[in-house]
Amino acid sequence: MSNEAKYISLNGNFYLAGNPVLSHKNRAFCYSDALFETMRAYQEKVQFFPEHYQRLSGGMDMLKMNIPVAFTQNRIHDEITGLLKKNRIYKGARVRLTVFRNDGGFYIPECNDISYLIEVSELENIFYGSQPKGLHIGLFDEIRKPVNIFSGLKTTNSLLFVMAGLHAKNNHWDDCVILNDEGNIVESVSSNIFMIRDKIIYTPKLSDGCINGIMRCQIINLARSLNYEVLDDVSLQPQNLLEADEAFLTNAVAGITWVLGFEKRRFFHDVSANLTVKLNETAFNS
């Protein structure tokens, strides 16, 4: 279990985590007018930070947020590692960076200037792959994810994922599969999804509405470098998952988590184990 930090960072300044720092007019709270990145860090390095920064900047541009001159990749990375030091976190860490439009206006903002909040918490393990057993996942079909230009963004409008998480909890699953309006597999509550059939790796195409995951991209590239055939431009249905030999989930904090079962189907986890070893070699090569 992660440990809560004593300090947070708002616009580059440290504050005690228990003290209020945001107004009741905060637009992330009132209108979900915000984006966030969840990352993994160790000591003075945030894993795959250039990719996280690029995705965040692209989302800010799409939402017409003004990117401050000082909001540079190097500065934000330094502020994250500075916050880790302030909290005396020297092992693995979970980092969340939230960017929100400043207070003012109702649905129509008064300005497009932004603020940003950094939170950190300690993880028990430095490396990816500490999962002791496979996940048991199910299907969430009560609400489907719409496909539009915002589908690939990580916004604070997360009610779909909250309801999917409650559905998984009520069914005693570890996670569940989310579908789009066409009935195609999109992702899970907090991860992209991969499946393997006859030694071919499949993952839903971005145009089906899945989050453009940083770890998703890393695993696709890593798998291809190991001579796996990867199909990332296909639509997948629940039946494909039931026919798979193996399945696993990916996100920036956990890396790869292997799936033991979906409904009554049980899976192997040879490929995911191999990819986890290579992922750690790539991410912690120094």
C-alpha atoms as a PDB file:
ATOM      1  CA  MET A   1       0.000   0.000   0.000  1.00  0.00           C
ATOM      2  CA  SER A   2       1.299   3.461  -0.885  1.00  0.00           C
ATOM      3  CA  ASN A   3       2.119   6.043   1.790  1.00  0.00           C
ATOM      4  CA  GLU A   4       0.589   9.484   1.693  1.00  0.00           C
ATOM      5  CA  ALA A   5       2.999  12.387   1.275  1.00  0.00           C
ATOM      6  CA  LYS A   6       3.136  15.392   3.622  1.00  0.00           C
ATOM      7  CA  TYR A   7       3.549  17.976   0.877  1.00  0.00           C
ATOM      8  CA  ILE A   8       2.002  18.817  -2.477  1.00  0.00           C
ATOM      9  CA  SER A   9       3.129  21.347  -5.068  1.00  0.00           C
ATOM     10  CA  LEU A  10       0.858  24.005  -6.572  1.00  0.00           C
ATOM     11  CA  ASN A  11       2.358  26.102  -9.371  1.00  0.00           C
ATOM     12  CA  GLY A  12       5.834  25.213  -8.146  1.00  0.00           C
ATOM     13  CA  ASN A  13       5.238  26.070  -4.473  1.00  0.00           C
ATOM     14  CA  PHE A  14       5.107  23.553  -1.622  1.00  0.00           C
ATOM     15  CA  TYR A  15       2.053  23.278   0.649  1.00  0.00           C
ATOM     16  CA  LEU A  16       1.103  20.894   3.417  1.00  0.00           C
ATOM     17  CA  ALA A  17      -1.051  18.209   1.866  1.00  0.00           C
ATOM     18  CA  GLY A  18      -3.749  18.535   4.525  1.00  0.00           C
ATOM     19  CA  ASN A  19      -4.293  22.251   4.002  1.00  0.00           C
ATOM     20  CA  PRO A  20      -6.847  23.607   1.489  1.00  0.00           C
ATOM     21  CA  VAL A  21      -5.232  25.273  -1.521  1.00  0.00           C
ATOM     22  CA  LEU A  22      -8.046  25.350  -4.100  1.00  0.00           C
ATOM     23  CA  SER A  23     -11.099  27.603  -4.277  1.00  0.00           C
ATOM     24  CA  HIS A  24     -14.681  26.341  -4.334  1.00  0.00           C
ATOM     25  CA  LYS A  25     -14.770  27.930  -7.791  1.00  0.00           C
ATOM     26  CA  ASN A  26     -12.016  25.654  -9.072  1.00  0.00           C
ATOM     27  CA  ARG A  27     -12.947  24.704 -12.622  1.00  0.00           C
ATOM     28  CA  ALA A  28     -11.725  21.121 -12.274  1.00  0.00           C
ATOM     29  CA  PHE A  29     -14.247  20.725  -9.441  1.00  0.00           C
ATOM     30  CA  CYS A  30     -17.084  22.694 -11.053  1.00  0.00           C
ATOM     31  CA  TYR A  31     -16.779  21.663 -14.710  1.00  0.00           C
ATOM     32  CA  SER A  32     -14.124  18.931 -14.993  1.00  0.00           C
ATOM     33  CA  ASP A  33     -12.126  21.537 -16.901  1.00  0.00           C
ATOM     34  CA  ALA A  34      -8.839  19.747 -16.320  1.00  0.00           C
ATOM     35  CA  LEU A  35      -6.368  17.168 -17.578  1.00  0.00           C
ATOM     36  CA  PHE A  36      -4.044  14.907 -15.636  1.00  0.00           C
ATOM     37  CA  GLU A  37      -1.108  12.581 -16.056  1.00  0.00           C
ATOM     38  CA  THR A  38      -0.331   9.683 -13.727  1.00  0.00           C
ATOM     39  CA  MET A  39       3.306   8.627 -13.795  1.00  0.00           C
ATOM     40  CA  ARG A  40       5.864   6.447 -12.070  1.00  0.00           C
ATOM     41  CA  ALA A  41       9.130   7.804 -10.710  1.00  0.00           C
ATOM     42  CA  TYR A  42      12.245   6.587  -8.968  1.00  0.00           C
ATOM     43  CA  GLN A  43      14.704   8.955  -7.285  1.00  0.00           C
ATOM     44  CA  GLU A  44      15.435  11.711  -9.808  1.00  0.00           C
ATOM     45  CA  LYS A  45      13.765  10.216 -12.865  1.00  0.00           C
ATOM     46  CA  VAL A  46      10.135  10.169 -13.946  1.00  0.00           C
ATOM     47  CA  GLN A  47       9.708   7.200 -16.259  1.00  0.00           C
ATOM     48  CA  PHE A  48       8.874   8.143 -19.863  1.00  0.00           C
ATOM     49  CA  PHE A  49       8.361  11.778 -18.865  1.00  0.00           C
ATOM     50  CA  PRO A  50       8.899  13.286 -22.358  1.00  0.00           C
ATOM     51  CA  GLU A  51       5.989  11.183 -23.626  1.00  0.00           C
ATOM     52  CA  HIS A  52       3.787  12.214 -20.693  1.00  0.00           C
ATOM     53  CA  TYR A  53       4.640  15.870 -21.196  1.00  0.00           C
ATOM     54  CA  GLN A  54       3.946  15.691 -24.928  1.00  0.00           C
ATOM     55  CA  ARG A  55       0.544  14.067 -24.371  1.00  0.00           C
ATOM     56  CA  LEU A  56      -0.372  16.611 -21.691  1.00  0.00           C
ATOM     57  CA  SER A  57       0.713  19.559 -23.843  1.00  0.00           C
ATOM     58  CA  GLY A  58      -1.251  18.198 -26.787  1.00  0.00           C
ATOM     59  CA  GLY A  59      -4.357  17.879 -24.619  1.00  0.00           C
ATOM     60  CA  MET A  60      -3.931  21.405 -23.272  1.00  0.00           C
ATOM     61  CA  ASP A  61      -3.676  22.717 -26.809  1.00  0.00           C
ATOM     62  CA  MET A  62      -6.806  20.787 -27.814  1.00  0.00           C
ATOM     63  CA  LEU A  63      -8.716  22.292 -24.864  1.00  0.00           C
ATOM     64  CA  LYS A  64      -7.449  25.785 -25.760  1.00  0.00           C
ATOM     65  CA  MET A  65      -5.513  26.210 -22.521  1.00  0.00           C
ATOM     66  CA  ASN A  66      -2.645  28.678 -22.490  1.00  0.00           C
ATOM     67  CA  ILE A  67       0.656  26.919 -21.850  1.00  0.00           C
ATOM     68  CA  PRO A  68       2.847  29.228 -19.716  1.00  0.00           C
ATOM     69  CA  VAL A  69       6.340  29.962 -20.971  1.00  0.00           C
ATOM     70  CA  ALA A  70       7.736  28.544 -17.726  1.00  0.00           C
ATOM     71  CA  PHE A  71       5.733  25.304 -18.092  1.00  0.00           C
ATOM     72  CA  THR A  72       8.587  23.473 -19.763  1.00  0.00           C
ATOM     73  CA  GLN A  73       9.388  19.790 -19.767  1.00  0.00           C
ATOM     74  CA  ASN A  74      12.600  20.251 -17.795  1.00  0.00           C
ATOM     75  CA  ARG A  75      11.074  22.563 -15.207  1.00  0.00           C
ATOM     76  CA  ILE A  76       8.067  20.342 -14.496  1.00  0.00           C
ATOM     77  CA  HIS A  77      10.306  17.282 -14.238  1.00  0.00           C
ATOM     78  CA  ASP A  78      12.524  19.144 -11.760  1.00  0.00           C
ATOM     79  CA  GLU A  79       9.490  20.209  -9.723  1.00  0.00           C
ATOM     80  CA  ILE A  80       8.304  16.598  -9.519  1.00  0.00           C
ATOM     81  CA  THR A  81      11.670  15.317  -8.341  1.00  0.00           C
ATOM     82  CA  GLY A  82      11.911  18.257  -5.951  1.00  0.00           C
ATOM     83  CA  LEU A  83       8.579  17.270  -4.419  1.00  0.00           C
ATOM     84  CA  LEU A  84       9.776  13.691  -4.044  1.00  0.00           C
ATOM     85  CA  LYS A  85      12.827  14.948  -2.141  1.00  0.00           C
ATOM     86  CA  LYS A  86      10.672  17.250  -0.013  1.00  0.00           C
ATOM     87  CA  ASN A  87       8.607  14.215   0.983  1.00  0.00           C
ATOM     88  CA  ARG A  88      11.711  12.066   1.454  1.00  0.00           C
ATOM     89  CA  ILE A  89      10.466   9.499  -1.063  1.00  0.00           C
ATOM     90  CA  TYR A  90      13.475   7.661  -2.413  1.00  0.00           C
ATOM     91  CA  LYS A  91      11.903   4.412  -3.611  1.00  0.00           C
ATOM     92  CA  GLY A  92       9.298   3.959  -6.321  1.00  0.00           C
ATOM     93  CA  ALA A  93       6.667   6.686  -6.464  1.00  0.00           C
ATOM     94  CA  ARG A  94       3.295   7.387  -8.007  1.00  0.00           C
ATOM     95  CA  VAL A  95       3.026  10.915  -9.391  1.00  0.00           C
ATOM     96  CA  ARG A  96      -0.101  12.763 -10.462  1.00  0.00           C
ATOM     97  CA  LEU A  97       0.137  16.054 -12.347  1.00  0.00           C
ATOM     98  CA  THR A  98      -3.195  17.853 -12.796  1.00  0.00           C
ATOM     99  CA  VAL A  99      -3.586  20.912 -15.021  1.00  0.00           C
ATOM    100  CA  PHE A 100      -6.753  22.997 -14.719  1.00  0.00           C
ATOM    101  CA  ARG A 101      -8.054  26.239 -16.167  1.00  0.00           C
ATOM    102  CA  ASN A 102      -8.017  29.049 -13.628  1.00  0.00           C
ATOM    103  CA  ASP A 103     -11.113  30.160 -11.719  1.00  0.00           C
ATOM    104  CA  GLY A 104     -13.620  32.420 -13.422  1.00  0.00           C
ATOM    105  CA  GLY A 105     -16.762  32.161 -15.517  1.00  0.00           C
ATOM    106  CA  PHE A 106     -19.398  29.498 -15.697  1.00  0.00           C
ATOM    107  CA  TYR A 107     -19.378  27.134 -18.671  1.00  0.00           C
ATOM    108  CA  ILE A 108     -17.594  29.860 -20.620  1.00  0.00           C
ATOM    109  CA  PRO A 109     -14.211  30.562 -18.989  1.00  0.00           C
ATOM    110  CA  GLU A 110     -13.111  34.100 -18.275  1.00  0.00           C
ATOM    111  CA  CYS A 111      -9.591  33.218 -19.373  1.00  0.00           C
ATOM    112  CA  ASN A 112      -7.538  30.278 -20.606  1.00  0.00           C
ATOM    113  CA  ASP A 113      -4.661  30.578 -18.146  1.00  0.00           C
ATOM    114  CA  ILE A 114      -3.859  27.471 -16.129  1.00  0.00           C
ATOM    115  CA  SER A 115      -2.575  26.253 -12.793  1.00  0.00           C
ATOM    116  CA  TYR A 116      -1.109  22.869 -11.986  1.00  0.00           C
ATOM    117  CA  LEU A 117      -0.988  20.598  -8.974  1.00  0.00           C
ATOM    118  CA  ILE A 118       1.566  17.836  -8.334  1.00  0.00           C
ATOM    119  CA  GLU A 119       0.906  15.003  -5.867  1.00  0.00           C
ATOM    120  CA  VAL A 120       3.202  12.088  -4.999  1.00  0.00           C
ATOM    121  CA  SER A 121       2.926   8.903  -2.957  1.00  0.00           C
ATOM    122  CA  GLU A 122       5.395   6.139  -2.223  1.00  0.00           C
ATOM    123  CA  LEU A 123       5.137   2.702  -3.828  1.00  0.00           C
ATOM    124  CA  GLU A 124       6.289  -0.480  -2.158  1.00  0.00           C
ATOM    125  CA  ASN A 125       8.473  -1.503  -5.101  1.00  0.00           C
ATOM    126  CA  ILE A 126      10.968   0.300  -7.291  1.00  0.00           C
ATOM    127  CA  PHE A 127      10.459  -1.850 -10.380  1.00  0.00           C
ATOM    128  CA  TYR A 128       7.499  -2.904 -12.481  1.00  0.00           C
ATOM    129  CA  GLY A 129       6.124  -6.401 -12.024  1.00  0.00           C
ATOM    130  CA  SER A 130       5.456  -6.895  -8.316  1.00  0.00           C
ATOM    131  CA  GLN A 131       2.045  -8.455  -8.983  1.00  0.00           C
ATOM    132  CA  PRO A 132       1.737 -11.657  -6.883  1.00  0.00           C
ATOM    133  CA  LYS A 133      -1.218 -13.157  -8.740  1.00  0.00           C
ATOM    134  CA  GLY A 134      -3.227 -12.674 -11.894  1.00  0.00           C
ATOM    135  CA  LEU A 135      -6.270 -10.432 -12.112  1.00  0.00           C
ATOM    136  CA  HIS A 136      -9.825 -11.651 -12.480  1.00  0.00           C
ATOM    137  CA  ILE A 137     -11.757  -9.266 -14.734  1.00  0.00           C
ATOM    138  CA  GLY A 138     -15.314  -9.070 -16.032  1.00  0.00           C
ATOM    139  CA  LEU A 139     -17.413  -7.084 -18.503  1.00  0.00           C
ATOM    140  CA  PHE A 140     -19.007  -3.677 -17.883  1.00  0.00           C
ATOM    141  CA  ASP A 141     -21.814  -3.129 -20.382  1.00  0.00           C
ATOM    142  CA  GLU A 142     -24.175  -0.807 -18.481  1.00  0.00           C
ATOM    143  CA  ILE A 143     -22.632   2.387 -19.887  1.00  0.00           C
ATOM    144  CA  ARG A 144     -20.580   2.561 -23.063  1.00  0.00           C
ATOM    145  CA  LYS A 145     -17.795   4.965 -23.889  1.00  0.00           C
ATOM    146  CA  PRO A 146     -18.562   7.456 -26.671  1.00  0.00           C
ATOM    147  CA  VAL A 147     -15.976   7.882 -29.396  1.00  0.00           C
ATOM    148  CA  ASN A 148     -14.986  11.488 -30.135  1.00  0.00           C
ATOM    149  CA  ILE A 149     -11.926  13.743 -30.162  1.00  0.00           C
ATOM    150  CA  PHE A 150     -11.812  13.705 -26.342  1.00  0.00           C
ATOM    151  CA  SER A 151     -11.813   9.906 -26.019  1.00  0.00           C
ATOM    152  CA  GLY A 152      -8.041   9.659 -25.923  1.00  0.00           C
ATOM    153  CA  LEU A 153      -7.550  12.394 -23.310  1.00  0.00           C
ATOM    154  CA  LYS A 154      -7.100  11.854 -19.576  1.00  0.00           C
ATOM    155  CA  THR A 155      -9.581  14.389 -18.227  1.00  0.00           C
ATOM    156  CA  THR A 156     -11.034  14.688 -14.732  1.00  0.00           C
ATOM    157  CA  ASN A 157     -14.457  13.786 -16.155  1.00  0.00           C
ATOM    158  CA  SER A 158     -14.157  10.167 -15.039  1.00  0.00           C
ATOM    159  CA  LEU A 159     -17.706   9.132 -14.105  1.00  0.00           C
ATOM    160  CA  LEU A 160     -17.688   6.285 -16.630  1.00  0.00           C
ATOM    161  CA  PHE A 161     -14.590   4.815 -14.998  1.00  0.00           C
ATOM    162  CA  VAL A 162     -15.982   5.373 -11.498  1.00  0.00           C
ATOM    163  CA  MET A 163     -19.154   3.454 -12.380  1.00  0.00           C
ATOM    164  CA  ALA A 164     -17.133   0.708 -14.065  1.00  0.00           C
ATOM    165  CA  GLY A 165     -14.963   0.480 -10.946  1.00  0.00           C
ATOM    166  CA  LEU A 166     -18.024   0.156  -8.724  1.00  0.00           C
ATOM    167  CA  HIS A 167     -19.366  -2.550 -11.023  1.00  0.00           C
ATOM    168  CA  ALA A 168     -16.097  -4.467 -10.716  1.00  0.00           C
ATOM    169  CA  LYS A 169     -16.087  -4.058  -6.933  1.00  0.00           C
ATOM    170  CA  ASN A 170     -19.687  -5.237  -6.581  1.00  0.00           C
ATOM    171  CA  ASN A 171     -18.884  -8.339  -8.629  1.00  0.00           C
ATOM    172  CA  HIS A 172     -15.667  -9.040  -6.695  1.00  0.00           C
ATOM    173  CA  TRP A 173     -13.497  -8.535  -9.791  1.00  0.00           C
ATOM    174  CA  ASP A 174     -10.135  -6.813  -9.878  1.00  0.00           C
ATOM    175  CA  ASP A 175     -11.058  -4.784 -12.972  1.00  0.00           C
ATOM    176  CA  CYS A 176     -13.489  -4.851 -15.871  1.00  0.00           C
ATOM    177  CA  VAL A 177     -13.614  -4.326 -19.617  1.00  0.00           C
ATOM    178  CA  ILE A 178     -15.232  -1.176 -21.009  1.00  0.00           C
ATOM    179  CA  LEU A 179     -16.910  -1.127 -24.427  1.00  0.00           C
ATOM    180  CA  ASN A 180     -17.620   1.663 -26.912  1.00  0.00           C
ATOM    181  CA  ASP A 181     -20.929   2.430 -28.617  1.00  0.00           C
ATOM    182  CA  GLU A 182     -20.234  -0.214 -31.261  1.00  0.00           C
ATOM    183  CA  GLY A 183     -19.667  -2.928 -28.653  1.00  0.00           C
ATOM    184  CA  ASN A 184     -15.913  -3.030 -29.243  1.00  0.00           C
ATOM    185  CA  ILE A 185     -13.445  -3.401 -26.381  1.00  0.00           C
ATOM    186  CA  VAL A 186     -11.860  -0.073 -25.436  1.00  0.00           C
ATOM    187  CA  GLU A 187      -9.908  -0.461 -22.179  1.00  0.00           C
ATOM    188  CA  SER A 188     -10.343  -1.293 -18.507  1.00  0.00           C
ATOM    189  CA  VAL A 189     -11.020   1.034 -15.579  1.00  0.00           C
ATOM    190  CA  SER A 190      -7.460   2.377 -15.452  1.00  0.00           C
ATOM    191  CA  SER A 191      -5.508   0.532 -18.127  1.00  0.00           C
ATOM    192  CA  ASN A 192      -5.154  -0.326 -21.778  1.00  0.00           C
ATOM    193  CA  ILE A 193      -5.797  -3.957 -22.619  1.00  0.00           C
ATOM    194  CA  PHE A 194      -3.810  -6.462 -24.657  1.00  0.00           C
ATOM    195  CA  MET A 195      -4.610 -10.015 -25.647  1.00  0.00           C
ATOM    196  CA  ILE A 196      -2.594 -12.752 -27.339  1.00  0.00           C
ATOM    197  CA  ARG A 197      -3.848 -15.414 -29.707  1.00  0.00           C
ATOM    198  CA  ASP A 198      -1.561 -17.840 -31.558  1.00  0.00           C
ATOM    199  CA  LYS A 199       1.500 -15.762 -30.561  1.00  0.00           C
ATOM    200  CA  ILE A 200       0.050 -12.551 -32.089  1.00  0.00           C
ATOM    201  CA  ILE A 201      -0.483  -9.594 -29.738  1.00  0.00           C
ATOM    202  CA  TYR A 202      -3.649  -7.549 -30.211  1.00  0.00           C
ATOM    203  CA  THR A 203      -4.741  -4.255 -28.638  1.00  0.00           C
ATOM    204  CA  PRO A 204      -7.732  -2.013 -29.517  1.00  0.00           C
ATOM    205  CA  LYS A 205      -7.093   0.705 -32.060  1.00  0.00           C
ATOM    206  CA  LEU A 206      -7.099   4.298 -30.861  1.00  0.00           C
ATOM    207  CA  SER A 207      -9.992   5.237 -33.122  1.00  0.00           C
ATOM    208  CA  ASP A 208     -12.217   2.890 -31.098  1.00  0.00           C
ATOM    209  CA  GLY A 209     -11.904   5.369 -28.215  1.00  0.00           C
ATOM    210  CA  CYS A 210      -9.198   4.057 -25.918  1.00  0.00           C
ATOM    211  CA  ILE A 211      -6.840   6.290 -23.957  1.00  0.00           C
ATOM    212  CA  ASN A 212      -3.635   6.877 -25.895  1.00  0.00           C
ATOM    213  CA  GLY A 213      -1.664   5.250 -23.092  1.00  0.00           C
ATOM    214  CA  ILE A 214       2.030   6.001 -22.608  1.00  0.00           C
ATOM    215  CA  MET A 215       2.646   2.441 -21.435  1.00  0.00           C
ATOM    216  CA  ARG A 216       0.521   1.100 -24.306  1.00  0.00           C
ATOM    217  CA  CYS A 217       2.918   2.708 -26.765  1.00  0.00           C
ATOM    218  CA  GLN A 218       5.971   1.491 -24.872  1.00  0.00           C
ATOM    219  CA  ILE A 219       4.736  -2.102 -24.845  1.00  0.00           C
ATOM    220  CA  ILE A 220       3.859  -2.060 -28.541  1.00  0.00           C
ATOM    221  CA  ASN A 221       7.345  -0.829 -29.420  1.00  0.00           C
ATOM    222  CA  LEU A 222       9.023  -3.187 -26.970  1.00  0.00           C
ATOM    223  CA  ALA A 223       7.085  -6.213 -28.226  1.00  0.00           C
ATOM    224  CA  ARG A 224       7.965  -5.432 -31.841  1.00  0.00           C
ATOM    225  CA  SER A 225      11.627  -5.054 -30.907  1.00  0.00           C
ATOM    226  CA  LEU A 226      11.411  -8.611 -29.532  1.00  0.00           C
ATOM    227  CA  ASN A 227       9.954  -9.803 -32.858  1.00  0.00           C
ATOM    228  CA  TYR A 228       6.388 -10.262 -31.662  1.00  0.00           C
ATOM    229  CA  GLU A 229       3.730  -9.472 -34.242  1.00  0.00           C
ATOM    230  CA  VAL A 230       1.552  -6.695 -32.829  1.00  0.00           C
ATOM    231  CA  LEU A 231      -1.776  -5.595 -34.304  1.00  0.00           C
ATOM    232  CA  ASP A 232      -2.783  -2.240 -32.812  1.00  0.00           C
ATOM    233  CA  ASP A 233      -5.175  -1.133 -35.546  1.00  0.00           C
ATOM    234  CA  VAL A 234      -7.976  -3.629 -35.007  1.00  0.00           C
ATOM    235  CA  SER A 235     -11.398  -3.680 -33.352  1.00  0.00           C
ATOM    236  CA  LEU A 236     -11.839  -6.343 -30.686  1.00  0.00           C
ATOM    237  CA  GLN A 237     -14.972  -7.774 -29.133  1.00  0.00           C
ATOM    238  CA  PRO A 238     -15.497  -9.649 -25.835  1.00  0.00           C
ATOM    239  CA  GLN A 239     -15.592 -12.909 -27.823  1.00  0.00           C
ATOM    240  CA  ASN A 240     -12.001 -12.276 -28.929  1.00  0.00           C
ATOM    241  CA  LEU A 241     -10.977 -12.060 -25.295  1.00  0.00           C
ATOM    242  CA  LEU A 242     -12.755 -15.321 -24.515  1.00  0.00           C
ATOM    243  CA  GLU A 243     -10.754 -16.984 -27.293  1.00  0.00           C
ATOM    244  CA  ALA A 244      -7.379 -15.511 -26.269  1.00  0.00           C
ATOM    245  CA  ASP A 245      -4.449 -17.491 -24.902  1.00  0.00           C
ATOM    246  CA  GLU A 246      -3.247 -14.640 -22.708  1.00  0.00           C
ATOM    247  CA  ALA A 247      -4.333 -11.154 -21.632  1.00  0.00           C
ATOM    248  CA  PHE A 248      -2.732  -8.319 -19.731  1.00  0.00           C
ATOM    249  CA  LEU A 249      -3.356  -4.699 -18.787  1.00  0.00           C
ATOM    250  CA  THR A 250      -0.932  -1.780 -19.000  1.00  0.00           C
ATOM    251  CA  ASN A 251      -0.656   1.624 -17.370  1.00  0.00           C
ATOM    252  CA  ALA A 252       2.128   4.030 -16.492  1.00  0.00           C
ATOM    253  CA  VAL A 253       2.262   3.206 -12.782  1.00  0.00           C
ATOM    254  CA  ALA A 254       1.844  -0.572 -12.697  1.00  0.00           C
ATOM    255  CA  GLY A 255       3.491  -1.306 -16.037  1.00  0.00           C
ATOM    256  CA  ILE A 256       2.088  -4.713 -16.999  1.00  0.00           C
ATOM    257  CA  THR A 257      -0.463  -6.617 -14.930  1.00  0.00           C
ATOM    258  CA  TRP A 258      -1.325 -10.091 -16.150  1.00  0.00           C
ATOM    259  CA  VAL A 259      -4.891 -11.328 -16.270  1.00  0.00           C
ATOM    260  CA  LEU A 260      -5.665 -14.752 -14.877  1.00  0.00           C
ATOM    261  CA  GLY A 261      -9.298 -14.951 -15.917  1.00  0.00           C
ATOM    262  CA  PHE A 262     -12.132 -13.287 -17.820  1.00  0.00           C
ATOM    263  CA  GLU A 263     -15.500 -14.792 -16.967  1.00  0.00           C
ATOM    264  CA  LYS A 264     -14.822 -18.564 -17.116  1.00  0.00           C
ATOM    265  CA  ARG A 265     -11.772 -18.245 -19.367  1.00  0.00           C
ATOM    266  CA  ARG A 266      -8.313 -18.757 -17.808  1.00  0.00           C
ATOM    267  CA  PHE A 267      -5.085 -17.450 -19.315  1.00  0.00           C
ATOM    268  CA  PHE A 268      -1.359 -18.125 -19.418  1.00  0.00           C
ATOM    269  CA  HIS A 269       1.072 -15.279 -18.699  1.00  0.00           C
ATOM    270  CA  ASP A 270       4.329 -16.211 -20.433  1.00  0.00           C
ATOM    271  CA  VAL A 271       4.467 -13.250 -22.829  1.00  0.00           C
ATOM    272  CA  SER A 272       3.537 -10.689 -20.184  1.00  0.00           C
ATOM    273  CA  ALA A 273       6.260 -12.034 -17.895  1.00  0.00           C
ATOM    274  CA  ASN A 274       8.829 -11.756 -20.690  1.00  0.00           C
ATOM    275  CA  LEU A 275       7.718  -8.229 -21.551  1.00  0.00           C
ATOM    276  CA  THR A 276       7.897  -7.162 -17.900  1.00  0.00           C
ATOM    277  CA  VAL A 277      11.551  -8.204 -17.702  1.00  0.00           C
ATOM    278  CA  LYS A 278      12.359  -6.238 -20.847  1.00  0.00           C
ATOM    279  CA  LEU A 279      10.318  -3.256 -19.655  1.00  0.00           C
ATOM    280  CA  ASN A 280      12.359  -3.007 -16.462  1.00  0.00           C
ATOM    281  CA  GLU A 281      15.576  -3.259 -18.458  1.00  0.00           C
ATOM    282  CA  THR A 282      14.408  -0.416 -20.685  1.00  0.00           C
ATOM    283  CA  ALA A 283      13.003   1.839 -17.954  1.00  0.00           C
ATOM    284  CA  PHE A 284      15.809   1.358 -15.432  1.00  0.00           C
ATOM    285  CA  ASN A 285      18.783   0.962 -17.777  1.00  0.00           C
ATOM    286  CA  SER A 286      20.835   3.391 -15.720  1.00  0.00           C
END
